[in-house]
């Protein structure tokens, strides 16, 4: 490759690197929704050990919009913080029940 070809190649690469990309304006996007995080405490019957806690935390944690899950078998509670625009109370209950536990909602915080 000649010196002129190398210079032309470097110049072309520089031009390509400086091209403006397509930027999305989040304010104009239809997919953008305002985040509303809530926390719900559930009474979960049937937890007996650390593995039960981990199972619930894994199952609920796989849902979209979950920020945190804390299950505690000693007091039979699970506290879930989540984005209400991405999941809801019923989906969380189903995820826990799917793992073999009985669920009741105790309290809700905004």
N, C-alpha and C. Protein backbone atom coordinates (compact mmCIF):
# COMPACT_ATOMS: atom_id res chain seq x y z
N UNK A 1 0.84 -1.16 0.00
CA UNK A 1 0.00 0.00 0.00
C UNK A 1 0.89 1.24 0.00
N UNK A 2 0.60 2.19 -0.86
CA UNK A 2 1.44 3.37 -0.97
C UNK A 2 1.12 4.36 0.16
N UNK A 3 2.02 5.28 0.32
CA UNK A 3 1.87 6.30 1.37
C UNK A 3 0.61 7.12 1.14
N UNK A 4 0.31 7.48 -0.11
CA UNK A 4 -0.90 8.26 -0.41
C UNK A 4 -2.17 7.48 -0.06
N UNK A 5 -2.16 6.18 -0.33
CA UNK A 5 -3.32 5.35 0.02
C UNK A 5 -3.52 5.29 1.53
N UNK A 6 -2.44 5.18 2.27
CA UNK A 6 -2.52 5.14 3.72
C UNK A 6 -3.08 6.45 4.26
N UNK A 7 -2.59 7.57 3.73
CA UNK A 7 -3.07 8.88 4.16
C UNK A 7 -4.56 9.03 3.82
N UNK A 8 -4.96 8.59 2.64
CA UNK A 8 -6.36 8.67 2.24
C UNK A 8 -7.23 7.80 3.14
N UNK A 9 -6.74 6.65 3.51
CA UNK A 9 -7.47 5.74 4.38
C UNK A 9 -7.64 6.35 5.77
N UNK A 10 -6.59 6.92 6.31
CA UNK A 10 -6.67 7.56 7.63
C UNK A 10 -7.64 8.74 7.58
N UNK A 11 -7.60 9.52 6.52
CA UNK A 11 -8.49 10.66 6.36
C UNK A 11 -9.94 10.21 6.30
N UNK A 12 -10.20 9.14 5.53
CA UNK A 12 -11.57 8.62 5.41
C UNK A 12 -12.08 8.09 6.75
N UNK A 13 -11.21 7.41 7.49
CA UNK A 13 -11.61 6.90 8.80
C UNK A 13 -11.94 8.05 9.75
N UNK A 14 -11.18 9.11 9.67
CA UNK A 14 -11.43 10.28 10.50
C UNK A 14 -12.77 10.91 10.18
N UNK A 15 -13.10 10.98 8.88
CA UNK A 15 -14.39 11.54 8.50
C UNK A 15 -15.55 10.68 9.00
N UNK A 16 -15.40 9.37 8.89
CA UNK A 16 -16.46 8.47 9.36
C UNK A 16 -16.64 8.56 10.87
N UNK A 17 -15.55 8.70 11.58
CA UNK A 17 -15.62 8.77 13.04
C UNK A 17 -16.28 10.06 13.51
N UNK A 18 -16.21 11.09 12.71
CA UNK A 18 -16.77 12.38 13.10
C UNK A 18 -18.21 12.58 12.64
N UNK A 19 -18.79 11.60 11.99
CA UNK A 19 -20.17 11.74 11.53
C UNK A 19 -21.11 11.76 12.73
N UNK A 20 -22.08 12.67 12.73
CA UNK A 20 -23.01 12.70 13.85
C UNK A 20 -23.89 11.45 13.84
N UNK A 21 -24.11 10.90 15.00
CA UNK A 21 -24.97 9.73 15.13
C UNK A 21 -26.41 10.16 15.29
N UNK A 22 -27.30 9.22 15.24
CA UNK A 22 -28.71 9.49 15.46
C UNK A 22 -28.95 9.50 16.96
N UNK A 23 -29.43 10.60 17.45
CA UNK A 23 -29.70 10.71 18.88
C UNK A 23 -31.20 10.75 19.10
N UNK A 24 -31.62 10.04 20.11
CA UNK A 24 -33.04 10.03 20.46
C UNK A 24 -33.29 11.07 21.53
N UNK A 25 -34.35 11.79 21.37
CA UNK A 25 -34.75 12.76 22.37
C UNK A 25 -35.71 12.07 23.33
N UNK A 26 -35.27 11.80 24.57
CA UNK A 26 -36.13 11.06 25.48
C UNK A 26 -37.45 11.77 25.77
N UNK A 27 -37.48 13.07 25.69
CA UNK A 27 -38.71 13.80 25.96
C UNK A 27 -39.76 13.56 24.88
N UNK A 28 -39.32 13.23 23.67
CA UNK A 28 -40.27 13.04 22.58
C UNK A 28 -40.60 11.58 22.33
N UNK A 29 -39.98 10.68 23.10
CA UNK A 29 -40.20 9.25 22.88
C UNK A 29 -41.51 8.80 23.51
N UNK A 30 -42.29 8.03 22.74
CA UNK A 30 -43.54 7.50 23.26
C UNK A 30 -43.29 6.41 24.29
N UNK A 31 -42.14 5.75 24.19
CA UNK A 31 -41.85 4.63 25.08
C UNK A 31 -41.43 5.10 26.47
N UNK A 32 -41.09 6.38 26.61
CA UNK A 32 -40.65 6.89 27.90
C UNK A 32 -41.84 7.16 28.79
N UNK A 33 -41.82 6.52 29.95
CA UNK A 33 -42.87 6.75 30.93
C UNK A 33 -42.21 7.21 32.22
N UNK A 34 -42.96 7.99 32.98
CA UNK A 34 -42.43 8.44 34.25
C UNK A 34 -42.36 7.28 35.23
N UNK A 35 -41.26 7.18 35.91
CA UNK A 35 -41.03 6.09 36.85
C UNK A 35 -41.79 6.37 38.15
N UNK A 36 -42.56 5.39 38.60
CA UNK A 36 -43.26 5.50 39.88
C UNK A 36 -42.91 4.28 40.72
N UNK A 37 -42.00 4.49 41.66
CA UNK A 37 -41.53 3.39 42.49
C UNK A 37 -42.40 3.29 43.74
N UNK A 38 -42.88 2.07 43.99
CA UNK A 38 -43.63 1.82 45.21
C UNK A 38 -43.02 0.63 45.93
N UNK A 39 -43.35 0.51 47.20
CA UNK A 39 -42.86 -0.60 48.02
C UNK A 39 -44.06 -1.29 48.65
N UNK A 40 -44.09 -2.61 48.52
CA UNK A 40 -45.16 -3.39 49.11
C UNK A 40 -44.55 -4.46 50.00
N UNK A 41 -45.14 -4.62 51.18
CA UNK A 41 -44.74 -5.70 52.08
C UNK A 41 -45.80 -6.79 51.99
N UNK A 42 -45.35 -8.01 51.75
CA UNK A 42 -46.23 -9.16 51.61
C UNK A 42 -46.03 -10.11 52.79
N UNK A 43 -47.10 -10.73 53.23
CA UNK A 43 -47.04 -11.84 54.18
C UNK A 43 -46.95 -13.09 53.32
N UNK A 44 -45.87 -13.86 53.48
CA UNK A 44 -45.64 -15.04 52.65
C UNK A 44 -45.59 -16.26 53.56
N UNK A 45 -46.58 -17.11 53.44
CA UNK A 45 -46.65 -18.31 54.26
C UNK A 45 -45.97 -19.47 53.54
N UNK A 46 -45.21 -20.26 54.32
CA UNK A 46 -44.57 -21.44 53.76
C UNK A 46 -43.06 -21.34 53.68
N UNK A 47 -42.48 -20.17 53.96
CA UNK A 47 -41.02 -20.05 53.97
C UNK A 47 -40.48 -20.67 55.25
N UNK A 48 -39.45 -21.52 55.12
CA UNK A 48 -38.89 -22.19 56.29
C UNK A 48 -37.38 -22.05 56.42
N UNK A 49 -36.71 -21.49 55.40
CA UNK A 49 -35.24 -21.45 55.45
C UNK A 49 -34.69 -20.39 54.50
N UNK A 50 -33.36 -20.29 54.49
CA UNK A 50 -32.66 -19.34 53.60
C UNK A 50 -32.93 -19.64 52.13
N UNK A 51 -33.06 -20.91 51.80
CA UNK A 51 -33.32 -21.28 50.41
C UNK A 51 -34.68 -20.77 49.94
N UNK A 52 -35.64 -20.76 50.84
CA UNK A 52 -36.96 -20.20 50.52
C UNK A 52 -36.83 -18.71 50.19
N UNK A 53 -36.06 -18.01 51.02
CA UNK A 53 -35.83 -16.58 50.78
C UNK A 53 -35.20 -16.35 49.41
N UNK A 54 -34.15 -17.13 49.12
CA UNK A 54 -33.44 -16.97 47.85
C UNK A 54 -34.35 -17.29 46.67
N UNK A 55 -35.19 -18.28 46.81
CA UNK A 55 -36.11 -18.66 45.73
C UNK A 55 -37.07 -17.52 45.42
N UNK A 56 -37.65 -16.94 46.45
CA UNK A 56 -38.57 -15.82 46.25
C UNK A 56 -37.84 -14.63 45.66
N UNK A 57 -36.68 -14.31 46.19
CA UNK A 57 -35.91 -13.17 45.69
C UNK A 57 -35.55 -13.36 44.23
N UNK A 58 -35.20 -14.58 43.84
CA UNK A 58 -34.86 -14.84 42.44
C UNK A 58 -36.09 -14.72 41.56
N UNK A 59 -37.18 -15.35 41.96
CA UNK A 59 -38.39 -15.35 41.14
C UNK A 59 -38.96 -13.95 40.93
N UNK A 60 -39.03 -13.18 41.99
CA UNK A 60 -39.56 -11.80 41.88
C UNK A 60 -38.54 -10.92 41.17
N UNK A 61 -37.26 -11.12 41.45
CA UNK A 61 -36.21 -10.30 40.85
C UNK A 61 -36.13 -10.41 39.34
N UNK A 62 -36.66 -11.49 38.77
CA UNK A 62 -36.65 -11.66 37.32
C UNK A 62 -37.71 -10.83 36.61
N UNK A 63 -38.65 -10.28 37.35
CA UNK A 63 -39.70 -9.45 36.73
C UNK A 63 -39.12 -8.09 36.32
N UNK A 64 -39.70 -7.52 35.30
CA UNK A 64 -39.28 -6.21 34.83
C UNK A 64 -39.66 -5.13 35.85
N UNK A 65 -38.75 -4.19 36.08
CA UNK A 65 -39.05 -3.05 36.94
C UNK A 65 -38.78 -3.26 38.42
N UNK A 66 -38.28 -4.43 38.81
CA UNK A 66 -38.01 -4.70 40.22
C UNK A 66 -36.72 -3.99 40.63
N UNK A 67 -36.79 -3.20 41.69
CA UNK A 67 -35.60 -2.52 42.20
C UNK A 67 -34.95 -3.29 43.34
N UNK A 68 -35.76 -3.89 44.21
CA UNK A 68 -35.20 -4.70 45.29
C UNK A 68 -36.26 -5.67 45.82
N UNK A 69 -35.75 -6.79 46.34
CA UNK A 69 -36.60 -7.81 46.95
C UNK A 69 -35.89 -8.29 48.20
N UNK A 70 -36.58 -8.26 49.32
CA UNK A 70 -36.00 -8.76 50.56
C UNK A 70 -37.01 -9.70 51.20
N UNK A 71 -36.70 -11.00 51.17
CA UNK A 71 -37.56 -12.01 51.79
C UNK A 71 -36.95 -12.41 53.12
N UNK A 72 -37.81 -12.64 54.13
CA UNK A 72 -37.35 -13.02 55.45
C UNK A 72 -38.24 -14.12 55.98
N UNK A 73 -37.69 -15.34 56.09
CA UNK A 73 -38.51 -16.46 56.54
C UNK A 73 -38.84 -16.38 58.03
N UNK A 74 -38.00 -15.69 58.82
CA UNK A 74 -38.24 -15.61 60.27
C UNK A 74 -39.53 -14.88 60.62
N UNK A 75 -39.86 -13.83 59.86
CA UNK A 75 -41.12 -13.13 60.12
C UNK A 75 -42.12 -13.29 58.97
N UNK A 76 -41.80 -14.17 58.03
CA UNK A 76 -42.69 -14.51 56.90
C UNK A 76 -43.09 -13.30 56.07
N UNK A 77 -42.12 -12.40 55.82
CA UNK A 77 -42.42 -11.23 55.00
C UNK A 77 -41.49 -11.15 53.80
N UNK A 78 -41.97 -10.46 52.79
CA UNK A 78 -41.17 -10.12 51.62
C UNK A 78 -41.48 -8.68 51.27
N UNK A 79 -40.44 -7.86 51.18
CA UNK A 79 -40.59 -6.45 50.85
C UNK A 79 -40.08 -6.26 49.43
N UNK A 80 -40.92 -5.68 48.57
CA UNK A 80 -40.57 -5.50 47.16
C UNK A 80 -40.71 -4.03 46.79
N UNK A 81 -39.64 -3.46 46.22
CA UNK A 81 -39.67 -2.10 45.64
C UNK A 81 -39.64 -2.26 44.14
N UNK A 82 -40.59 -1.61 43.45
CA UNK A 82 -40.67 -1.79 42.00
C UNK A 82 -41.26 -0.57 41.31
N UNK A 83 -40.99 -0.49 40.01
CA UNK A 83 -41.53 0.56 39.15
C UNK A 83 -42.92 0.12 38.70
N UNK A 84 -43.91 0.84 39.15
CA UNK A 84 -45.30 0.50 38.88
C UNK A 84 -45.65 0.53 37.38
N UNK A 85 -44.87 1.25 36.59
CA UNK A 85 -45.14 1.31 35.15
C UNK A 85 -44.64 0.07 34.42
N UNK A 86 -43.84 -0.78 35.11
CA UNK A 86 -43.28 -1.96 34.45
C UNK A 86 -43.83 -3.28 34.97
N UNK A 87 -44.33 -3.31 36.19
CA UNK A 87 -44.94 -4.51 36.74
C UNK A 87 -45.96 -4.09 37.78
N UNK A 88 -46.69 -5.04 38.33
CA UNK A 88 -47.71 -4.68 39.30
C UNK A 88 -47.81 -5.73 40.40
N UNK A 89 -48.64 -5.44 41.36
CA UNK A 89 -48.86 -6.27 42.53
C UNK A 89 -49.25 -7.70 42.15
N UNK A 90 -50.11 -7.86 41.19
CA UNK A 90 -50.57 -9.20 40.79
C UNK A 90 -49.44 -10.03 40.19
N UNK A 91 -48.59 -9.43 39.38
CA UNK A 91 -47.46 -10.16 38.80
C UNK A 91 -46.49 -10.62 39.89
N UNK A 92 -46.28 -9.77 40.87
CA UNK A 92 -45.38 -10.13 41.97
C UNK A 92 -45.97 -11.29 42.76
N UNK A 93 -47.25 -11.20 43.08
CA UNK A 93 -47.91 -12.30 43.80
C UNK A 93 -47.80 -13.61 43.02
N UNK A 94 -48.05 -13.55 41.72
CA UNK A 94 -47.95 -14.76 40.89
C UNK A 94 -46.55 -15.35 40.90
N UNK A 95 -45.53 -14.49 40.87
CA UNK A 95 -44.14 -14.97 40.88
C UNK A 95 -43.83 -15.69 42.19
N UNK A 96 -44.39 -15.21 43.29
CA UNK A 96 -44.17 -15.86 44.59
C UNK A 96 -44.98 -17.16 44.68
N UNK A 97 -46.23 -17.11 44.27
CA UNK A 97 -47.09 -18.29 44.32
C UNK A 97 -46.59 -19.40 43.40
N UNK A 98 -45.99 -19.02 42.29
CA UNK A 98 -45.43 -19.99 41.35
C UNK A 98 -44.35 -20.84 42.02
N UNK A 99 -43.73 -20.30 43.04
CA UNK A 99 -42.67 -21.01 43.76
C UNK A 99 -43.22 -21.80 44.95
N UNK A 100 -44.55 -21.83 45.09
CA UNK A 100 -45.16 -22.69 46.10
C UNK A 100 -45.55 -22.05 47.42
N UNK A 101 -45.62 -20.72 47.46
CA UNK A 101 -45.94 -20.03 48.71
C UNK A 101 -47.30 -19.35 48.61
N UNK A 102 -47.92 -19.11 49.78
CA UNK A 102 -49.17 -18.37 49.83
C UNK A 102 -48.85 -16.92 50.17
N UNK A 103 -49.55 -15.99 49.49
CA UNK A 103 -49.20 -14.57 49.59
C UNK A 103 -50.40 -13.72 49.98
N UNK A 104 -50.15 -12.78 50.89
CA UNK A 104 -51.12 -11.73 51.23
C UNK A 104 -50.37 -10.42 51.29
N UNK A 105 -50.99 -9.35 50.79
CA UNK A 105 -50.35 -8.03 50.85
C UNK A 105 -50.60 -7.43 52.22
N UNK A 106 -49.57 -6.92 52.85
CA UNK A 106 -49.71 -6.30 54.17
C UNK A 106 -49.80 -4.78 54.09
N UNK A 107 -48.86 -4.17 53.38
CA UNK A 107 -48.84 -2.70 53.32
C UNK A 107 -48.23 -2.22 52.02
N UNK A 108 -48.52 -0.96 51.72
CA UNK A 108 -48.04 -0.34 50.47
C UNK A 108 -47.53 1.05 50.78
N UNK A 109 -46.34 1.40 50.27
CA UNK A 109 -45.77 2.74 50.45
C UNK A 109 -45.47 3.32 49.07
N UNK A 110 -45.63 4.62 48.96
CA UNK A 110 -45.30 5.31 47.70
C UNK A 110 -44.05 6.11 47.86
